[in-house]
C-alpha cells in the first residue's frame, strides 16, 4: 500500500470510482480480453525466464556467433594508428 499512499489515492471508494469509469470507457468485453492477453503474456515471460535459469542449451541447429566461436586478438593501438615508415 506504499504505492497507493505515494500516488495520493488509496481509499477503497476512490479505487472503486476509478474502476467504474474504466469499465464505462472500455466495456466489460474489452477489459476481459485485455486481462486474458496480459495473463498470457506474463505466462510466456515466466516460461522464458524459467528456461534461462534452468540452463537450457540452444538447439543444435541454432547459429553460433562468430565472436563466441573464435575470439579475435587485437593489435596494439600504436600499431593500428602509426603509419608505416617502410618505403
C-alpha atoms as a PDB file:
ATOM      1  CA  UNK A   1       0.000   0.000   0.000  1.00  0.00           C
ATOM      2  CA  UNK A   2       3.057   2.255  -0.049  1.00  0.00           C
ATOM      3  CA  UNK A   3       2.484   2.931  -3.767  1.00  0.00           C
ATOM      4  CA  UNK A   4      -1.119   3.931  -3.109  1.00  0.00           C
ATOM      5  CA  UNK A   5      -0.053   6.368  -0.401  1.00  0.00           C
ATOM      6  CA  UNK A   6       2.664   7.904  -2.560  1.00  0.00           C
ATOM      7  CA  UNK A   7       0.327   8.450  -5.504  1.00  0.00           C
ATOM      8  CA  UNK A   8      -2.297  10.079  -3.304  1.00  0.00           C
ATOM      9  CA  UNK A   9      -5.083   7.545  -3.661  1.00  0.00           C
ATOM     10  CA  UNK A  10      -5.595   4.508  -1.534  1.00  0.00           C
ATOM     11  CA  UNK A  11      -9.125   4.953  -0.322  1.00  0.00           C
ATOM     12  CA  UNK A  12     -11.269   1.995  -1.498  1.00  0.00           C
ATOM     13  CA  UNK A  13     -14.015   4.393  -2.590  1.00  0.00           C
ATOM     14  CA  UNK A  14     -11.611   6.224  -4.917  1.00  0.00           C
ATOM     15  CA  UNK A  15     -10.379   2.949  -6.397  1.00  0.00           C
ATOM     16  CA  UNK A  16     -13.977   1.777  -6.976  1.00  0.00           C
ATOM     17  CA  UNK A  17     -14.842   5.052  -8.729  1.00  0.00           C
ATOM     18  CA  UNK A  18     -11.784   4.784 -10.991  1.00  0.00           C
ATOM     19  CA  UNK A  19     -12.647   1.139 -11.738  1.00  0.00           C
ATOM     20  CA  UNK A  20     -16.208   2.125 -12.646  1.00  0.00           C
ATOM     21  CA  UNK A  21     -15.001   4.850 -15.007  1.00  0.00           C
ATOM     22  CA  UNK A  22     -12.599   2.435 -16.704  1.00  0.00           C
ATOM     23  CA  UNK A  23     -15.424  -0.103 -17.070  1.00  0.00           C
ATOM     24  CA  UNK A  24     -17.674   2.523 -18.667  1.00  0.00           C
ATOM     25  CA  UNK A  25     -14.959   3.683 -21.058  1.00  0.00           C
ATOM     26  CA  UNK A  26     -13.752   0.312 -22.299  1.00  0.00           C
ATOM     27  CA  UNK A  27     -16.624  -2.075 -21.599  1.00  0.00           C
ATOM     28  CA  UNK A  28     -16.543  -5.485 -19.993  1.00  0.00           C
ATOM     29  CA  UNK A  29     -15.577  -7.477 -23.086  1.00  0.00           C
ATOM     30  CA  UNK A  30     -12.534  -5.342 -23.866  1.00  0.00           C
ATOM     31  CA  UNK A  31     -11.366  -5.493 -20.252  1.00  0.00           C
ATOM     32  CA  UNK A  32     -11.765  -9.284 -20.229  1.00  0.00           C
ATOM     33  CA  UNK A  33      -9.745  -9.561 -23.439  1.00  0.00           C
ATOM     34  CA  UNK A  34      -7.104  -7.259 -22.028  1.00  0.00           C
ATOM     35  CA  UNK A  35      -6.853  -9.334 -18.867  1.00  0.00           C
ATOM     36  CA  UNK A  36      -6.574 -12.554 -20.874  1.00  0.00           C
ATOM     37  CA  UNK A  37      -3.813 -11.209 -23.120  1.00  0.00           C
ATOM     38  CA  UNK A  38      -1.966  -9.772 -20.130  1.00  0.00           C
ATOM     39  CA  UNK A  39      -2.129 -13.146 -18.369  1.00  0.00           C
ATOM     40  CA  UNK A  40      -0.865 -14.991 -21.445  1.00  0.00           C
ATOM     41  CA  UNK A  41       1.997 -12.524 -21.811  1.00  0.00           C
ATOM     42  CA  UNK A  42       3.009 -12.934 -18.186  1.00  0.00           C
ATOM     43  CA  UNK A  43       2.848 -16.726 -18.506  1.00  0.00           C
ATOM     44  CA  UNK A  44       5.099 -16.634 -21.585  1.00  0.00           C
ATOM     45  CA  UNK A  45       7.540 -14.287 -19.811  1.00  0.00           C
ATOM     46  CA  UNK A  46       7.723 -16.558 -16.764  1.00  0.00           C
ATOM     47  CA  UNK A  47       8.315 -19.575 -19.010  1.00  0.00           C
ATOM     48  CA  UNK A  48      11.147 -17.798 -20.844  1.00  0.00           C
ATOM     49  CA  UNK A  49      12.860 -16.692 -17.644  1.00  0.00           C
ATOM     50  CA  UNK A  50      12.491 -20.189 -16.172  1.00  0.00           C
ATOM     51  CA  UNK A  51      14.140 -21.654 -19.279  1.00  0.00           C
ATOM     52  CA  UNK A  52      17.061 -19.248 -18.854  1.00  0.00           C
ATOM     53  CA  UNK A  53      17.533 -20.175 -15.206  1.00  0.00           C
ATOM     54  CA  UNK A  54      17.344 -23.912 -15.917  1.00  0.00           C
ATOM     55  CA  UNK A  55      20.391 -23.629 -18.157  1.00  0.00           C
ATOM     56  CA  UNK A  56      18.630 -24.914 -21.217  1.00  0.00           C
ATOM     57  CA  UNK A  57      21.046 -25.315 -24.093  1.00  0.00           C
ATOM     58  CA  UNK A  58      20.130 -23.914 -27.508  1.00  0.00           C
ATOM     59  CA  UNK A  59      19.011 -26.360 -30.200  1.00  0.00           C
ATOM     60  CA  UNK A  60      21.682 -27.985 -32.368  1.00  0.00           C
ATOM     61  CA  UNK A  61      20.593 -26.069 -35.464  1.00  0.00           C
ATOM     62  CA  UNK A  62      20.942 -22.677 -33.738  1.00  0.00           C
ATOM     63  CA  UNK A  63      23.571 -20.426 -35.361  1.00  0.00           C
ATOM     64  CA  UNK A  64      26.789 -19.830 -33.459  1.00  0.00           C
ATOM     65  CA  UNK A  65      28.027 -16.258 -33.269  1.00  0.00           C
ATOM     66  CA  UNK A  66      31.488 -15.724 -34.720  1.00  0.00           C
ATOM     67  CA  UNK A  67      32.632 -13.759 -31.684  1.00  0.00           C
ATOM     68  CA  UNK A  68      31.700 -16.626 -29.384  1.00  0.00           C
ATOM     69  CA  UNK A  69      33.267 -19.312 -31.587  1.00  0.00           C
ATOM     70  CA  UNK A  70      36.721 -17.800 -32.072  1.00  0.00           C
ATOM     71  CA  UNK A  71      37.856 -14.789 -30.083  1.00  0.00           C
ATOM     72  CA  UNK A  72      39.938 -12.367 -32.109  1.00  0.00           C
ATOM     73  CA  UNK A  73      43.168 -10.809 -30.925  1.00  0.00           C
ATOM     74  CA  UNK A  74      43.668  -7.100 -31.420  1.00  0.00           C
ATOM     75  CA  UNK A  75      46.878  -5.379 -32.328  1.00  0.00           C
ATOM     76  CA  UNK A  76      48.274  -2.751 -30.046  1.00  0.00           C
ATOM     77  CA  UNK A  77      46.689   0.687 -30.527  1.00  0.00           C
ATOM     78  CA  UNK A  78      50.047   2.162 -31.529  1.00  0.00           C
ATOM     79  CA  UNK A  79      50.462  -0.307 -34.408  1.00  0.00           C
ATOM     80  CA  UNK A  80      46.984   0.414 -35.685  1.00  0.00           C
ATOM     81  CA  UNK A  81      47.472   4.198 -35.666  1.00  0.00           C
ATOM     82  CA  UNK A  82      51.146   4.633 -36.574  1.00  0.00           C
ATOM     83  CA  UNK A  83      51.817   4.980 -40.309  1.00  0.00           C
ATOM     84  CA  UNK A  84      54.206   2.595 -41.931  1.00  0.00           C
ATOM     85  CA  UNK A  85      57.723   4.002 -42.359  1.00  0.00           C
ATOM     86  CA  UNK A  86      58.881   1.270 -44.771  1.00  0.00           C
ATOM     87  CA  UNK A  87      59.446   2.668 -48.270  1.00  0.00           C
END
